[in-house]
Amino acid sequence: MLRMGIVGTGGIANAHAAAAAAVEGVELVAVADVSAAAATAFASTHGVPEWYGGVDELTAAEQLDIVSVCTWGNFHEAVTCALAESGRVRAILCEKPISLNAAECERMVAAAAANDVLLAEAFKFRHHPQFLKLKELSDAGAVGEVRTLRTTFTTGGRRARDTFRPEMDWRFDPQRGGGALYDLGCYCLHAVRFIVGSEPLCAFAVADYHEICGVDFQDAIVLQFPGGVTAQITIGFGLDRSQEFEVLGTTGSLRADRAWNNEGHAVSVDATMPDGVRARYDFPETDQFHLQLRHMADCLLNGTTHRISPADSIGQMRATDAIFASMKSGQPEPLSAL
């Protein structure tokens, strides 16, 4: 039985706890939070036997196989490095985005590698059959040569703009790692990099910064990849729901809706092949958090290579840095070399 812990007991931690209850061979044995009230309430709700007031207390008392880091983004580096350096943890699943910038991510990866700890970023969609099929079809040349990708992630429509405030949610607080790119765009960015299979050369982005919150509220991003391949990303709060992903090739296209948050829904991939042949691939309702934890358990139990490598996460954050730089400069910004 793999012993699991969770650090940070906010909203997303509930999904990780539910996954632990659903995945055979994993047991959630401890949680930690700087708020004793939050930790005790969470432990009571999910039937967790032990709770602690922080990472140091957790690692002093527990030997754990997996720890999910579910804190605000501004604490990911400190928590992950403390876990890795404790000698008491075998694997860390860190919520997305893994860090606030590439430098933080590099330090996290180095700490994990130095202590023989498996570190993986929690992009749940990477484990869904829908995205595995998108990658399979794209790599097989089902739509010819991939030339451009278009993707969206928007939410929070039908709410007045002035109701979004930093005190109500970390997503609207720049000090805690909020903003559209960190919360929503990270999915789109990771997905286009995954399908293209290489890192972008440069990024151009424009952002509408919220006048009260100060976060990037609605963003438009263009990425250029080697060979002239491009990607367009539209993200934002205060907009009607859209979670689309589209791959356009020289002889066909692939399209998926509900690409990111699809728990409770059946999903599909619609393909247009050469000569206008159409195909539809349907996938039943599943829980991506369960799939994500099952994959981590498989890595520990069977030596499977994790689908999201540390190098992938570093590349993700270098692209994120370039996008933020472009928002500020108003110019295309090159990515630093891997």
Protein backbone atom coordinates (compact mmCIF):
# COMPACT_ATOMS: atom_id res chain seq x y z
CA MET A 1 0.00 0.00 0.00
CA LEU A 2 1.37 3.40 -1.05
CA ARG A 3 1.15 5.97 1.75
CA MET A 4 0.03 9.38 0.51
CA GLY A 5 0.03 12.85 2.03
CA ILE A 6 -1.36 16.20 0.92
CA VAL A 7 0.13 19.63 1.66
CA GLY A 8 -2.41 22.44 1.37
CA THR A 9 -6.09 21.77 1.99
CA GLY A 10 -7.77 24.26 -0.36
CA GLY A 11 -10.32 23.41 -3.02
CA ILE A 12 -8.12 21.35 -5.34
CA ALA A 13 -6.96 19.15 -2.47
CA ASN A 14 -10.45 17.63 -2.31
CA ALA A 15 -9.98 16.16 -5.79
CA HIS A 16 -6.63 14.65 -4.77
CA ALA A 17 -8.20 13.16 -1.64
CA ALA A 18 -11.07 11.69 -3.67
CA ALA A 19 -8.54 10.18 -6.07
CA ALA A 20 -6.67 8.55 -3.19
CA ALA A 21 -9.94 7.00 -2.01
CA ALA A 22 -10.68 5.69 -5.50
CA VAL A 23 -7.27 4.36 -6.59
CA GLU A 24 -6.49 0.86 -5.41
CA GLY A 25 -3.20 0.51 -3.58
CA VAL A 26 -3.08 4.14 -2.36
CA GLU A 27 -4.05 5.32 1.12
CA LEU A 28 -4.24 8.96 2.22
CA VAL A 29 -2.69 8.88 5.69
CA ALA A 30 -1.81 12.51 6.46
CA VAL A 31 -2.46 16.12 5.50
CA ALA A 32 -0.67 19.35 6.37
CA ASP A 33 -1.74 22.99 6.29
CA VAL A 34 -0.49 26.13 8.00
CA SER A 35 -4.07 26.61 9.18
CA ALA A 36 -4.83 24.11 11.94
CA ALA A 37 -8.56 24.70 11.49
CA ALA A 38 -8.34 23.94 7.76
CA ALA A 39 -6.21 20.85 8.31
CA THR A 40 -8.49 19.38 10.99
CA ALA A 41 -11.63 20.08 8.97
CA PHE A 42 -10.14 18.49 5.87
CA ALA A 43 -8.93 15.44 7.79
CA SER A 44 -12.37 14.99 9.32
CA THR A 45 -14.16 15.35 5.97
CA HIS A 46 -11.96 12.81 4.20
CA GLY A 47 -11.31 10.43 7.08
CA VAL A 48 -7.57 11.14 7.16
CA PRO A 49 -6.02 9.79 10.38
CA GLU A 50 -3.30 12.42 10.87
CA TRP A 51 -2.98 16.17 10.29
CA TYR A 52 0.00 18.50 10.76
CA GLY A 53 0.65 22.23 10.88
CA GLY A 54 3.23 22.31 8.10
CA VAL A 55 5.71 20.44 5.95
CA ASP A 56 8.33 20.07 8.66
CA GLU A 57 5.84 18.52 11.06
CA LEU A 58 4.58 16.21 8.34
CA THR A 59 7.98 14.89 7.30
CA ALA A 60 9.21 14.58 10.89
CA ALA A 61 6.37 12.22 11.69
CA GLU A 62 5.56 10.41 8.44
CA GLN A 63 7.36 8.32 5.83
CA LEU A 64 5.38 8.83 2.62
CA ASP A 65 5.42 7.40 -0.87
CA ILE A 66 3.48 10.21 -2.58
CA VAL A 67 2.78 13.78 -1.54
CA SER A 68 0.44 16.04 -3.50
CA VAL A 69 1.37 19.73 -3.24
CA CYS A 70 -1.90 21.67 -3.34
CA THR A 71 -0.82 25.03 -1.91
CA TRP A 72 -1.06 28.37 -3.65
CA GLY A 73 1.48 28.66 -6.45
CA ASN A 74 3.73 31.08 -4.59
CA PHE A 75 4.54 28.29 -2.10
CA HIS A 76 5.20 25.47 -4.58
CA GLU A 77 8.97 25.88 -4.66
CA ALA A 78 9.50 26.05 -0.90
CA VAL A 79 7.15 23.15 -0.14
CA THR A 80 8.47 20.91 -2.93
CA CYS A 81 12.12 21.49 -2.03
CA ALA A 82 11.43 20.86 1.67
CA LEU A 83 9.67 17.60 0.84
CA ALA A 84 12.42 16.47 -1.54
CA GLU A 85 15.21 17.30 0.92
CA SER A 86 13.52 15.63 3.90
CA GLY A 87 14.50 12.12 2.87
CA ARG A 88 11.00 11.03 3.86
CA VAL A 89 9.18 11.21 0.50
CA ARG A 90 9.54 9.07 -2.64
CA ALA A 91 7.42 11.06 -5.11
CA ILE A 92 5.88 14.54 -5.33
CA LEU A 93 2.87 15.45 -7.46
CA CYS A 94 2.84 19.25 -7.65
CA GLU A 95 -0.28 21.06 -8.80
CA LYS A 96 -0.07 23.16 -11.94
CA PRO A 97 1.61 25.43 -12.66
CA ILE A 98 4.56 23.77 -11.01
CA SER A 99 6.16 27.13 -10.16
CA LEU A 100 5.96 30.84 -10.87
CA ASN A 101 8.94 30.91 -13.22
CA ALA A 102 11.66 28.78 -14.77
CA ALA A 103 14.28 29.58 -12.12
CA GLU A 104 12.00 28.23 -9.37
CA CYS A 105 11.25 25.14 -11.42
CA GLU A 106 14.92 24.45 -12.04
CA ARG A 107 15.61 24.59 -8.29
CA MET A 108 12.71 22.22 -7.61
CA VAL A 109 13.92 19.75 -10.24
CA ALA A 110 17.47 19.91 -8.88
CA ALA A 111 16.29 19.24 -5.31
CA ALA A 112 14.24 16.25 -6.43
CA ALA A 113 17.05 14.81 -8.56
CA ALA A 114 19.64 15.23 -5.79
CA ASN A 115 17.44 13.25 -3.41
CA ASP A 116 16.22 10.60 -5.85
CA VAL A 117 12.62 11.84 -5.64
CA LEU A 118 10.18 11.53 -8.53
CA LEU A 119 8.76 15.01 -9.24
CA ALA A 120 5.82 15.41 -11.62
CA GLU A 121 3.55 18.31 -12.54
CA ALA A 122 -0.18 17.70 -12.11
CA PHE A 123 -1.60 18.25 -15.57
CA LYS A 124 -4.53 15.87 -15.26
CA PHE A 125 -5.54 16.01 -18.94
CA ARG A 126 -2.27 14.36 -19.96
CA HIS A 127 -3.66 11.09 -18.61
CA HIS A 128 -7.07 11.25 -20.29
CA PRO A 129 -7.66 8.92 -23.28
CA GLN A 130 -8.95 11.92 -25.22
CA PHE A 131 -5.56 13.61 -25.22
CA LEU A 132 -3.66 10.40 -25.68
CA LYS A 133 -5.73 9.84 -28.84
CA LEU A 134 -5.07 13.39 -30.04
CA LYS A 135 -1.34 12.78 -29.71
CA GLU A 136 -1.56 9.36 -31.35
CA LEU A 137 -3.46 10.69 -34.38
CA SER A 138 -1.25 13.75 -34.71
CA ASP A 139 2.00 11.76 -34.55
CA ALA A 140 0.65 9.18 -37.00
CA GLY A 141 0.11 11.86 -39.65
CA ALA A 142 -3.67 11.43 -39.65
CA VAL A 143 -4.09 15.11 -40.57
CA GLY A 144 -0.91 15.43 -42.62
CA GLU A 145 1.74 17.81 -41.35
CA VAL A 146 0.62 19.74 -38.28
CA ARG A 147 0.83 23.47 -39.07
CA THR A 148 -1.20 25.34 -36.46
CA LEU A 149 -3.09 24.77 -33.22
CA ARG A 150 -5.90 26.79 -31.66
CA THR A 151 -7.07 26.46 -28.08
CA THR A 152 -9.20 28.28 -25.52
CA PHE A 153 -9.87 28.19 -21.80
CA THR A 154 -12.34 30.80 -20.57
CA THR A 155 -14.62 30.86 -17.55
CA GLY A 156 -16.55 33.06 -15.15
CA GLY A 157 -18.99 34.63 -17.58
CA ARG A 158 -22.24 36.33 -16.51
CA ARG A 159 -20.42 37.99 -13.60
CA ALA A 160 -19.84 41.71 -13.32
CA ARG A 161 -16.20 42.59 -13.81
CA ASP A 162 -15.94 44.49 -10.53
CA THR A 163 -16.99 41.41 -8.54
CA PHE A 164 -13.60 39.76 -9.17
CA ARG A 165 -11.42 40.64 -6.19
CA PRO A 166 -8.13 39.26 -4.84
CA GLU A 167 -9.49 38.47 -1.38
CA MET A 168 -12.17 36.15 -2.75
CA ASP A 169 -9.93 33.67 -4.60
CA TRP A 170 -6.21 33.08 -5.17
CA ARG A 171 -6.91 33.15 -8.92
CA PHE A 172 -7.45 36.89 -8.69
CA ASP A 173 -4.50 37.60 -6.39
CA PRO A 174 -1.11 38.21 -8.05
CA GLN A 175 0.69 37.65 -4.74
CA ARG A 176 -0.56 34.06 -4.55
CA GLY A 177 0.14 33.12 -8.16
CA GLY A 178 -3.17 34.18 -9.67
CA GLY A 179 -4.02 35.33 -13.17
CA ALA A 180 -5.32 33.82 -16.38
CA LEU A 181 -1.98 32.51 -17.63
CA TYR A 182 -1.08 30.71 -14.42
CA ASP A 183 -4.55 29.29 -13.80
CA LEU A 184 -5.96 28.68 -17.30
CA GLY A 185 -3.30 29.25 -19.92
CA CYS A 186 -0.94 26.70 -18.42
CA TYR A 187 -3.26 23.95 -19.71
CA CYS A 188 -3.31 25.35 -23.23
CA LEU A 189 0.43 26.00 -23.30
CA HIS A 190 1.32 22.53 -22.07
CA ALA A 191 -1.08 20.93 -24.55
CA VAL A 192 0.27 22.68 -27.65
CA ARG A 193 3.84 21.90 -26.63
CA PHE A 194 2.83 18.26 -26.09
CA ILE A 195 1.20 17.90 -29.51
CA VAL A 196 3.88 19.77 -31.44
CA GLY A 197 6.60 17.87 -29.62
CA SER A 198 9.06 20.74 -29.42
CA GLU A 199 9.57 24.02 -27.59
CA PRO A 200 8.37 27.33 -29.05
CA LEU A 201 10.98 29.68 -30.43
CA CYS A 202 9.21 32.87 -29.40
CA ALA A 203 5.99 34.16 -27.87
CA PHE A 204 3.84 37.23 -28.48
CA ALA A 205 1.10 38.03 -26.00
CA VAL A 206 -1.25 40.82 -25.04
CA ALA A 207 -3.07 40.98 -21.71
CA ASP A 208 -5.98 42.87 -20.26
CA TYR A 209 -4.96 43.47 -16.65
CA HIS A 210 -7.79 43.72 -14.15
CA GLU A 211 -8.01 47.21 -12.68
CA ILE A 212 -8.80 45.96 -9.14
CA CYS A 213 -7.04 42.58 -8.91
CA GLY A 214 -3.95 43.46 -10.91
CA VAL A 215 -3.79 40.02 -12.53
CA ASP A 216 -3.74 39.30 -16.25
CA PHE A 217 -7.48 38.83 -16.68
CA GLN A 218 -7.92 38.06 -20.39
CA ASP A 219 -4.99 37.10 -22.63
CA ALA A 220 -4.29 36.40 -26.30
CA ILE A 221 -1.09 34.50 -27.08
CA VAL A 222 0.68 33.46 -30.28
CA LEU A 223 3.57 30.99 -30.23
CA GLN A 224 6.00 30.22 -33.04
CA PHE A 225 7.54 26.74 -33.15
CA PRO A 226 10.34 25.40 -35.36
CA GLY A 227 9.39 24.91 -38.99
CA GLY A 228 6.87 27.74 -38.97
CA VAL A 229 4.31 25.88 -36.84
CA THR A 230 2.14 28.27 -34.83
CA ALA A 231 -0.30 28.12 -31.92
CA GLN A 232 -3.00 30.55 -30.85
CA ILE A 233 -4.21 30.61 -27.24
CA THR A 234 -7.19 32.57 -25.91
CA ILE A 235 -7.77 32.55 -22.15
CA GLY A 236 -9.55 34.61 -19.56
CA PHE A 237 -11.95 35.16 -16.70
CA GLY A 238 -15.29 36.92 -17.00
CA LEU A 239 -16.06 35.16 -20.28
CA ASP A 240 -18.48 32.48 -21.40
CA ARG A 241 -17.16 28.94 -21.01
CA SER A 242 -14.89 27.64 -23.75
CA GLN A 243 -12.49 24.69 -23.50
CA GLU A 244 -11.63 23.90 -27.09
CA PHE A 245 -8.54 22.36 -28.63
CA GLU A 246 -7.95 22.15 -32.38
CA VAL A 247 -5.09 20.81 -34.48
CA LEU A 248 -4.96 21.92 -38.13
CA GLY A 249 -2.81 19.96 -40.54
CA THR A 250 -2.10 20.06 -44.26
CA THR A 251 -4.71 17.38 -45.04
CA GLY A 252 -7.08 17.36 -42.08
CA SER A 253 -7.90 18.51 -38.57
CA LEU A 254 -8.61 17.29 -35.04
CA ARG A 255 -10.96 18.91 -32.57
CA ALA A 256 -11.86 18.36 -28.92
CA ASP A 257 -14.29 20.21 -26.67
CA ARG A 258 -14.27 20.11 -22.84
CA ALA A 259 -10.56 19.54 -23.17
CA TRP A 260 -9.60 20.55 -19.63
CA ASN A 261 -12.28 20.22 -16.92
CA ASN A 262 -14.43 17.36 -18.17
CA GLU A 263 -15.13 15.39 -15.00
CA GLY A 264 -18.71 14.13 -15.18
CA HIS A 265 -18.84 14.29 -18.97
CA ALA A 266 -18.26 11.97 -21.88
CA VAL A 267 -15.93 13.58 -24.43
CA SER A 268 -14.76 12.98 -27.97
CA VAL A 269 -12.21 13.76 -30.64
CA ASP A 270 -13.63 14.76 -34.02
CA ALA A 271 -11.25 14.11 -36.91
CA THR A 272 -11.34 15.24 -40.52
CA MET A 273 -8.99 13.05 -42.52
CA PRO A 274 -7.61 13.34 -46.06
CA ASP A 275 -10.27 13.37 -48.82
CA GLY A 276 -12.84 14.65 -46.33
CA VAL A 277 -13.21 11.37 -44.44
CA ARG A 278 -14.59 12.05 -40.97
CA ALA A 279 -14.17 10.02 -37.80
CA ARG A 280 -15.31 10.44 -34.22
CA TYR A 281 -13.62 8.88 -31.21
CA ASP A 282 -15.81 8.77 -28.10
CA PHE A 283 -14.59 8.42 -24.52
CA PRO A 284 -16.86 7.66 -21.55
CA GLU A 285 -17.03 9.80 -18.44
CA THR A 286 -13.94 9.44 -16.28
CA ASP A 287 -12.15 11.32 -13.53
CA GLN A 288 -8.80 12.72 -14.65
CA PHE A 289 -7.55 13.05 -11.07
CA HIS A 290 -8.01 9.30 -10.63
CA LEU A 291 -6.09 8.61 -13.84
CA GLN A 292 -3.33 10.99 -12.77
CA LEU A 293 -2.81 9.34 -9.38
CA ARG A 294 -3.06 5.85 -10.88
CA HIS A 295 -0.23 6.74 -13.27
CA MET A 296 1.94 8.06 -10.41
CA ALA A 297 1.31 4.85 -8.47
CA ASP A 298 2.26 2.81 -11.52
CA CYS A 299 5.54 4.73 -11.77
CA LEU A 300 6.41 3.85 -8.18
CA LEU A 301 5.21 0.26 -8.23
CA ASN A 302 6.33 -0.79 -11.71
CA GLY A 303 9.05 1.63 -12.72
CA THR A 304 6.95 3.23 -15.46
CA THR A 305 8.37 6.50 -16.79
CA HIS A 306 6.14 9.41 -15.87
CA ARG A 307 4.40 11.06 -18.81
CA ILE A 308 5.43 14.54 -17.64
CA SER A 309 9.18 14.80 -17.19
CA PRO A 310 11.01 17.44 -15.14
CA ALA A 311 12.54 18.76 -18.38
CA ASP A 312 9.02 19.19 -19.76
CA SER A 313 8.08 21.31 -16.74
CA ILE A 314 11.19 23.46 -17.11
CA GLY A 315 10.33 24.01 -20.77
CA GLN A 316 6.78 24.93 -19.77
CA MET A 317 7.99 27.59 -17.35
CA ARG A 318 10.50 29.03 -19.81
CA ALA A 319 7.66 29.48 -22.26
CA THR A 320 5.56 31.03 -19.49
CA ASP A 321 8.37 33.48 -18.70
CA ALA A 322 8.55 34.52 -22.36
CA ILE A 323 4.79 35.06 -22.51
CA PHE A 324 4.83 37.31 -19.44
CA ALA A 325 7.82 39.19 -20.86
CA SER A 326 5.90 39.80 -24.09
CA MET A 327 2.87 41.08 -22.18
CA LYS A 328 5.11 43.69 -20.58
CA SER A 329 7.22 44.63 -23.61
CA GLY A 330 4.52 44.55 -26.27
CA GLN A 331 6.99 42.70 -28.51
CA PRO A 332 7.66 39.07 -29.47
CA GLU A 333 10.00 37.53 -26.92
CA PRO A 334 12.41 34.66 -27.64
CA LEU A 335 12.61 31.67 -25.33
CA SER A 336 15.78 30.94 -23.43
CA ALA A 337 17.61 27.89 -24.72
CA LEU A 338 17.04 24.55 -23.02
